Amino acid sequence: MTAPPLVLASTSTYRRDLLARLGLPFLTAAPQVDETRRPSEPATDLVMRLAEAKARAVAVAHPEALVIGSDQVAVIDDKILGKPGGREQAIQQLTSAAGRIVSFYTGLCLLNSATGQARTICEPFLVHFRQLTLREITGYVDLERPFDCAGSFKSEGLGIALFARLEGDDPNALIGLPLIRLVELLQAEGLDVLADI
C-alpha cells in the first residue's frame, strides 16, 4: 500500500527544514487562517485550535493526504508574545524575558484528510533566560535579526547564548515543530519513519 502524500500546512522555512530531517517527501502549502485569539482563550487552546485550523484549510486542496498543521506562542506572565516584527519590539521582548522563564506552547495537528480524523496535541517547552544586559540584547538582535520568531530569538543559532537552561521533551518544539511527537502521530496513521531505511 502506498503511503498518502504528506503536506506541511506552513510556509515557515524553520518548520520546512525541521520536517526535512525526517527524510520523508512532502509538499508545503500556505494555510489561509484567521489567527486572532478568542477572548480569554488559554494559550494552549489557541495553538491547538490554530494548528488544526491550518491543517483543515490546506486539506481542502489535498483530499487524500496527511496534513501537518502547527502553531506556536511564547508566554510570559500570561501574556502572549508574538513575532516582534522589528528591532525595537525584539529588544523589548528580550528585555522583559531576561532573568525569567518563558513558556512556549506548540500546537501540532496531523490530519488525515481522507478520513477527517485529526490528532492534535500541545507540546510545552520552558526557556530559562540568563540575566542579560541591554548591550547583550541589542548586540544579539542586531546580529541575528530574529524579527520573525516568537520570543525574539533563534535557538538554532546564537540565541542559545541567551539561555541559562532549557526544559522540555523535544528541543525541536522550540523551533516550531515537535518532531518526536510528530513521529508518534505519523506512526498512529501507519507511517513509520524508520521502516524503509
C-alpha atoms as a PDB file:
ATOM      1  CA  MET A   1       0.000   0.000   0.000  1.00  0.00           C
ATOM      2  CA  THR A   2       1.320   3.430  -0.932  1.00  0.00           C
ATOM      3  CA  ALA A   3       1.609   5.963   1.867  1.00  0.00           C
ATOM      4  CA  PRO A   4      -0.575   9.047   1.449  1.00  0.00           C
ATOM      5  CA  PRO A   5       1.201  12.250   0.474  1.00  0.00           C
ATOM      6  CA  LEU A   6       2.495  14.367   3.334  1.00  0.00           C
ATOM      7  CA  VAL A   7       1.693  18.089   3.300  1.00  0.00           C
ATOM      8  CA  LEU A   8       3.068  20.731   5.650  1.00  0.00           C
ATOM      9  CA  ALA A   9       0.469  23.455   6.160  1.00  0.00           C
ATOM     10  CA  SER A  10       3.062  26.171   6.596  1.00  0.00           C
ATOM     11  CA  THR A  11       5.361  28.439   4.624  1.00  0.00           C
ATOM     12  CA  SER A  12       7.807  28.683   7.552  1.00  0.00           C
ATOM     13  CA  THR A  13      11.347  27.872   6.450  1.00  0.00           C
ATOM     14  CA  TYR A  14      12.068  26.757  10.036  1.00  0.00           C
ATOM     15  CA  ARG A  15       9.276  24.166  10.007  1.00  0.00           C
ATOM     16  CA  ARG A  16      10.163  23.050   6.477  1.00  0.00           C
ATOM     17  CA  ASP A  17      13.789  22.468   7.474  1.00  0.00           C
ATOM     18  CA  LEU A  18      12.723  20.561  10.595  1.00  0.00           C
ATOM     19  CA  LEU A  19      10.351  18.281   8.692  1.00  0.00           C
ATOM     20  CA  ALA A  20      13.051  17.597   6.092  1.00  0.00           C
ATOM     21  CA  ARG A  21      15.119  15.969   8.858  1.00  0.00           C
ATOM     22  CA  LEU A  22      12.726  13.003   8.837  1.00  0.00           C
ATOM     23  CA  GLY A  23      13.718  12.161   5.256  1.00  0.00           C
ATOM     24  CA  LEU A  24      10.135  11.892   4.021  1.00  0.00           C
ATOM     25  CA  PRO A  25       8.950  13.525   0.797  1.00  0.00           C
ATOM     26  CA  PHE A  26       6.450  16.303   1.472  1.00  0.00           C
ATOM     27  CA  LEU A  27       4.777  19.331  -0.067  1.00  0.00           C
ATOM     28  CA  THR A  28       4.188  22.697   1.560  1.00  0.00           C
ATOM     29  CA  ALA A  29       1.077  24.839   1.292  1.00  0.00           C
ATOM     30  CA  ALA A  30       0.114  28.193   2.772  1.00  0.00           C
ATOM     31  CA  PRO A  31      -2.888  27.962   5.099  1.00  0.00           C
ATOM     32  CA  GLN A  32      -5.324  30.881   4.983  1.00  0.00           C
ATOM     33  CA  VAL A  33      -6.420  31.077   8.617  1.00  0.00           C
ATOM     34  CA  ASP A  34      -7.524  33.898  10.893  1.00  0.00           C
ATOM     35  CA  GLU A  35      -5.068  33.651  13.798  1.00  0.00           C
ATOM     36  CA  THR A  36      -6.921  36.052  16.101  1.00  0.00           C
ATOM     37  CA  ARG A  37      -7.019  34.912  19.709  1.00  0.00           C
ATOM     38  CA  ARG A  38     -10.504  34.453  21.133  1.00  0.00           C
ATOM     39  CA  PRO A  39     -11.370  36.384  24.325  1.00  0.00           C
ATOM     40  CA  SER A  40      -9.916  34.627  27.402  1.00  0.00           C
ATOM     41  CA  GLU A  41      -8.639  31.751  25.244  1.00  0.00           C
ATOM     42  CA  PRO A  42      -5.775  29.939  27.001  1.00  0.00           C
ATOM     43  CA  ALA A  43      -2.531  29.812  25.015  1.00  0.00           C
ATOM     44  CA  THR A  44      -2.632  26.010  24.900  1.00  0.00           C
ATOM     45  CA  ASP A  45      -6.142  26.021  23.405  1.00  0.00           C
ATOM     46  CA  LEU A  46      -5.155  28.731  20.929  1.00  0.00           C
ATOM     47  CA  VAL A  47      -2.198  26.835  19.462  1.00  0.00           C
ATOM     48  CA  MET A  48      -4.116  23.564  19.187  1.00  0.00           C
ATOM     49  CA  ARG A  49      -7.095  25.292  17.555  1.00  0.00           C
ATOM     50  CA  LEU A  50      -4.875  27.115  15.058  1.00  0.00           C
ATOM     51  CA  ALA A  51      -2.762  24.031  14.272  1.00  0.00           C
ATOM     52  CA  GLU A  52      -5.908  22.102  13.386  1.00  0.00           C
ATOM     53  CA  ALA A  53      -7.442  25.043  11.504  1.00  0.00           C
ATOM     54  CA  LYS A  54      -4.287  25.350   9.381  1.00  0.00           C
ATOM     55  CA  ALA A  55      -4.314  21.627   8.609  1.00  0.00           C
ATOM     56  CA  ARG A  56      -8.010  21.684   7.686  1.00  0.00           C
ATOM     57  CA  ALA A  57      -7.593  24.770   5.486  1.00  0.00           C
ATOM     58  CA  VAL A  58      -4.868  23.065   3.457  1.00  0.00           C
ATOM     59  CA  ALA A  59      -6.626  19.679   3.405  1.00  0.00           C
ATOM     60  CA  VAL A  60      -9.336  21.078   1.127  1.00  0.00           C
ATOM     61  CA  ALA A  61      -6.842  21.069  -1.759  1.00  0.00           C
ATOM     62  CA  HIS A  62      -5.247  17.755  -0.655  1.00  0.00           C
ATOM     63  CA  PRO A  63      -8.150  15.346  -0.019  1.00  0.00           C
ATOM     64  CA  GLU A  64      -6.032  12.163   0.231  1.00  0.00           C
ATOM     65  CA  ALA A  65      -3.115  13.468   2.299  1.00  0.00           C
ATOM     66  CA  LEU A  66      -1.714  13.534   5.796  1.00  0.00           C
ATOM     67  CA  VAL A  67      -1.599  17.253   6.574  1.00  0.00           C
ATOM     68  CA  ILE A  68       0.596  18.719   9.302  1.00  0.00           C
ATOM     69  CA  GLY A  69      -0.513  21.939  10.972  1.00  0.00           C
ATOM     70  CA  SER A  70       1.457  23.747  13.649  1.00  0.00           C
ATOM     71  CA  ASP A  71       1.247  26.969  15.609  1.00  0.00           C
ATOM     72  CA  GLN A  72       3.395  28.388  18.401  1.00  0.00           C
ATOM     73  CA  VAL A  73       3.216  31.116  21.004  1.00  0.00           C
ATOM     74  CA  ALA A  74       5.562  32.349  23.699  1.00  0.00           C
ATOM     75  CA  VAL A  75       4.025  33.320  27.043  1.00  0.00           C
ATOM     76  CA  ILE A  76       5.372  35.415  29.892  1.00  0.00           C
ATOM     77  CA  ASP A  77       3.165  36.422  32.832  1.00  0.00           C
ATOM     78  CA  ASP A  78       0.115  35.057  30.966  1.00  0.00           C
ATOM     79  CA  LYS A  79       0.842  37.497  28.131  1.00  0.00           C
ATOM     80  CA  ILE A  80       1.360  36.074  24.657  1.00  0.00           C
ATOM     81  CA  LEU A  81       4.452  37.349  22.895  1.00  0.00           C
ATOM     82  CA  GLY A  82       4.001  37.382  19.153  1.00  0.00           C
ATOM     83  CA  LYS A  83       6.644  37.698  16.489  1.00  0.00           C
ATOM     84  CA  PRO A  84       8.316  41.040  17.136  1.00  0.00           C
ATOM     85  CA  GLY A  85       8.340  42.205  13.523  1.00  0.00           C
ATOM     86  CA  GLY A  86      11.079  44.768  14.140  1.00  0.00           C
ATOM     87  CA  ARG A  87      14.168  45.736  16.110  1.00  0.00           C
ATOM     88  CA  GLU A  88      12.591  47.779  18.921  1.00  0.00           C
ATOM     89  CA  GLN A  89       9.932  45.164  19.640  1.00  0.00           C
ATOM     90  CA  ALA A  90      12.563  42.398  19.683  1.00  0.00           C
ATOM     91  CA  ILE A  91      14.698  44.344  22.164  1.00  0.00           C
ATOM     92  CA  GLN A  92      11.617  44.957  24.296  1.00  0.00           C
ATOM     93  CA  GLN A  93      10.646  41.264  24.296  1.00  0.00           C
ATOM     94  CA  LEU A  94      14.144  40.095  25.253  1.00  0.00           C
ATOM     95  CA  THR A  95      14.438  42.772  27.952  1.00  0.00           C
ATOM     96  CA  SER A  96      11.206  41.542  29.543  1.00  0.00           C
ATOM     97  CA  ALA A  97      12.391  37.899  29.283  1.00  0.00           C
ATOM     98  CA  ALA A  98      15.869  38.458  30.792  1.00  0.00           C
ATOM     99  CA  GLY A  99      16.317  36.528  34.042  1.00  0.00           C
ATOM    100  CA  ARG A 100      12.876  34.932  33.708  1.00  0.00           C
ATOM    101  CA  ILE A 101      11.168  31.802  32.419  1.00  0.00           C
ATOM    102  CA  VAL A 102       9.244  31.984  29.154  1.00  0.00           C
ATOM    103  CA  SER A 103       6.771  29.223  28.306  1.00  0.00           C
ATOM    104  CA  PHE A 104       6.500  28.121  24.701  1.00  0.00           C
ATOM    105  CA  TYR A 105       3.468  26.187  23.545  1.00  0.00           C
ATOM    106  CA  THR A 106       3.498  24.487  20.161  1.00  0.00           C
ATOM    107  CA  GLY A 107       0.272  23.114  18.783  1.00  0.00           C
ATOM    108  CA  LEU A 108       0.664  20.176  16.403  1.00  0.00           C
ATOM    109  CA  CYS A 109      -2.059  18.576  14.312  1.00  0.00           C
ATOM    110  CA  LEU A 110      -1.834  15.620  11.957  1.00  0.00           C
ATOM    111  CA  LEU A 111      -4.971  15.488   9.861  1.00  0.00           C
ATOM    112  CA  ASN A 112      -5.878  12.532   7.696  1.00  0.00           C
ATOM    113  CA  SER A 113      -7.820  14.411   5.038  1.00  0.00           C
ATOM    114  CA  ALA A 114      -9.271  11.180   3.622  1.00  0.00           C
ATOM    115  CA  THR A 115     -10.946  10.241   6.914  1.00  0.00           C
ATOM    116  CA  GLY A 116     -11.220  13.684   8.517  1.00  0.00           C
ATOM    117  CA  GLN A 117      -9.534  12.416  11.680  1.00  0.00           C
ATOM    118  CA  ALA A 118      -7.336  14.993  13.385  1.00  0.00           C
ATOM    119  CA  ARG A 119      -4.754  14.117  16.032  1.00  0.00           C
ATOM    120  CA  THR A 120      -3.903  17.328  17.896  1.00  0.00           C
ATOM    121  CA  ILE A 121      -1.521  17.936  20.784  1.00  0.00           C
ATOM    122  CA  CYS A 122       0.185  20.802  22.568  1.00  0.00           C
ATOM    123  CA  GLU A 123       3.901  20.459  23.290  1.00  0.00           C
ATOM    124  CA  PRO A 124       5.171  22.712  26.124  1.00  0.00           C
ATOM    125  CA  PHE A 125       8.736  23.932  26.437  1.00  0.00           C
ATOM    126  CA  LEU A 126      10.295  26.240  29.044  1.00  0.00           C
ATOM    127  CA  VAL A 127      13.157  28.621  28.363  1.00  0.00           C
ATOM    128  CA  HIS A 128      15.092  29.912  31.370  1.00  0.00           C
ATOM    129  CA  PHE A 129      16.745  33.153  30.250  1.00  0.00           C
ATOM    130  CA  ARG A 130      20.031  34.386  31.680  1.00  0.00           C
ATOM    131  CA  GLN A 131      20.270  37.853  33.176  1.00  0.00           C
ATOM    132  CA  LEU A 132      21.075  39.971  30.122  1.00  0.00           C
ATOM    133  CA  THR A 133      22.389  43.495  29.732  1.00  0.00           C
ATOM    134  CA  LEU A 134      20.886  45.895  27.230  1.00  0.00           C
ATOM    135  CA  ARG A 135      24.183  45.794  25.323  1.00  0.00           C
ATOM    136  CA  GLU A 136      23.987  41.987  25.040  1.00  0.00           C
ATOM    137  CA  ILE A 137      20.375  42.146  23.930  1.00  0.00           C
ATOM    138  CA  THR A 138      20.881  44.831  21.289  1.00  0.00           C
ATOM    139  CA  GLY A 139      24.060  43.147  20.045  1.00  0.00           C
ATOM    140  CA  TYR A 140      22.223  39.866  19.670  1.00  0.00           C
ATOM    141  CA  VAL A 141      19.195  41.446  17.950  1.00  0.00           C
ATOM    142  CA  ASP A 142      21.375  43.413  15.530  1.00  0.00           C
ATOM    143  CA  LEU A 143      23.423  40.348  14.637  1.00  0.00           C
ATOM    144  CA  GLU A 144      20.721  37.709  14.252  1.00  0.00           C
ATOM    145  CA  ARG A 145      17.644  39.873  13.461  1.00  0.00           C
ATOM    146  CA  PRO A 146      15.081  37.432  14.924  1.00  0.00           C
ATOM    147  CA  PHE A 147      12.101  39.513  13.829  1.00  0.00           C
ATOM    148  CA  ASP A 148      10.049  36.570  12.517  1.00  0.00           C
ATOM    149  CA  CYS A 149      10.492  34.419  15.645  1.00  0.00           C
ATOM    150  CA  ALA A 150       8.137  34.233  18.620  1.00  0.00           C
ATOM    151  CA  GLY A 151      10.155  35.350  21.643  1.00  0.00           C
ATOM    152  CA  SER A 152      12.723  37.231  19.511  1.00  0.00           C
ATOM    153  CA  PHE A 153      15.451  34.597  19.287  1.00  0.00           C
ATOM    154  CA  LYS A 154      16.715  31.727  17.162  1.00  0.00           C
ATOM    155  CA  SER A 155      17.628  28.839  19.440  1.00  0.00           C
ATOM    156  CA  GLU A 156      19.230  27.027  16.494  1.00  0.00           C
ATOM    157  CA  GLY A 157      21.645  29.952  16.165  1.00  0.00           C
ATOM    158  CA  LEU A 158      23.271  32.404  18.567  1.00  0.00           C
ATOM    159  CA  GLY A 159      20.037  32.614  20.548  1.00  0.00           C
ATOM    160  CA  ILE A 160      21.252  29.640  22.577  1.00  0.00           C
ATOM    161  CA  ALA A 161      23.649  32.056  24.333  1.00  0.00           C
ATOM    162  CA  LEU A 162      20.657  33.881  25.848  1.00  0.00           C
ATOM    163  CA  PHE A 163      19.606  30.880  27.915  1.00  0.00           C
ATOM    164  CA  ALA A 164      20.540  29.536  31.327  1.00  0.00           C
ATOM    165  CA  ARG A 165      18.577  26.334  30.817  1.00  0.00           C
ATOM    166  CA  LEU A 166      16.046  24.649  28.561  1.00  0.00           C
ATOM    167  CA  GLU A 167      13.309  22.395  29.874  1.00  0.00           C
ATOM    168  CA  GLY A 168      11.168  20.139  27.706  1.00  0.00           C
ATOM    169  CA  ASP A 169      10.902  16.831  25.893  1.00  0.00           C
ATOM    170  CA  ASP A 170      11.724  17.972  22.368  1.00  0.00           C
ATOM    171  CA  PRO A 171      14.085  20.855  21.543  1.00  0.00           C
ATOM    172  CA  ASN A 172      12.631  20.938  18.013  1.00  0.00           C
ATOM    173  CA  ALA A 173       9.394  22.245  19.530  1.00  0.00           C
ATOM    174  CA  LEU A 174      11.223  25.449  20.361  1.00  0.00           C
ATOM    175  CA  ILE A 175      11.957  25.981  16.662  1.00  0.00           C
ATOM    176  CA  GLY A 176       8.333  25.344  15.746  1.00  0.00           C
ATOM    177  CA  LEU A 177       7.712  21.663  15.006  1.00  0.00           C
ATOM    178  CA  PRO A 178       7.926  18.951  17.711  1.00  0.00           C
ATOM    179  CA  LEU A 179       9.381  16.103  15.678  1.00  0.00           C
ATOM    180  CA  ILE A 180       9.285  13.470  18.428  1.00  0.00           C
ATOM    181  CA  ARG A 181       5.529  13.843  18.811  1.00  0.00           C
ATOM    182  CA  LEU A 182       5.082  14.134  15.041  1.00  0.00           C
ATOM    183  CA  VAL A 183       6.809  10.773  14.535  1.00  0.00           C
ATOM    184  CA  GLU A 184       4.364   9.262  17.067  1.00  0.00           C
ATOM    185  CA  LEU A 185       1.371  10.793  15.274  1.00  0.00           C
ATOM    186  CA  LEU A 186       2.622   9.567  11.891  1.00  0.00           C
ATOM    187  CA  GLN A 187       3.048   6.051  13.322  1.00  0.00           C
ATOM    188  CA  ALA A 188      -0.550   6.165  14.598  1.00  0.00           C
ATOM    189  CA  GLU A 189      -1.561   6.820  10.961  1.00  0.00           C
ATOM    190  CA  GLY A 190       0.506   3.851   9.737  1.00  0.00           C
ATOM    191  CA  LEU A 191       3.522   5.808   8.503  1.00  0.00           C
ATOM    192  CA  ASP A 192       6.729   4.535  10.139  1.00  0.00           C
ATOM    193  CA  VAL A 193       9.575   6.971   9.554  1.00  0.00           C
ATOM    194  CA  LEU A 194      12.230   4.283  10.126  1.00  0.00           C
ATOM    195  CA  ALA A 195      10.534   1.462   8.218  1.00  0.00           C
ATOM    196  CA  ASP A 196      12.244   1.913   4.850  1.00  0.00           C
ATOM    197  CA  ILE A 197      15.786   2.769   5.850  1.00  0.00           C
END
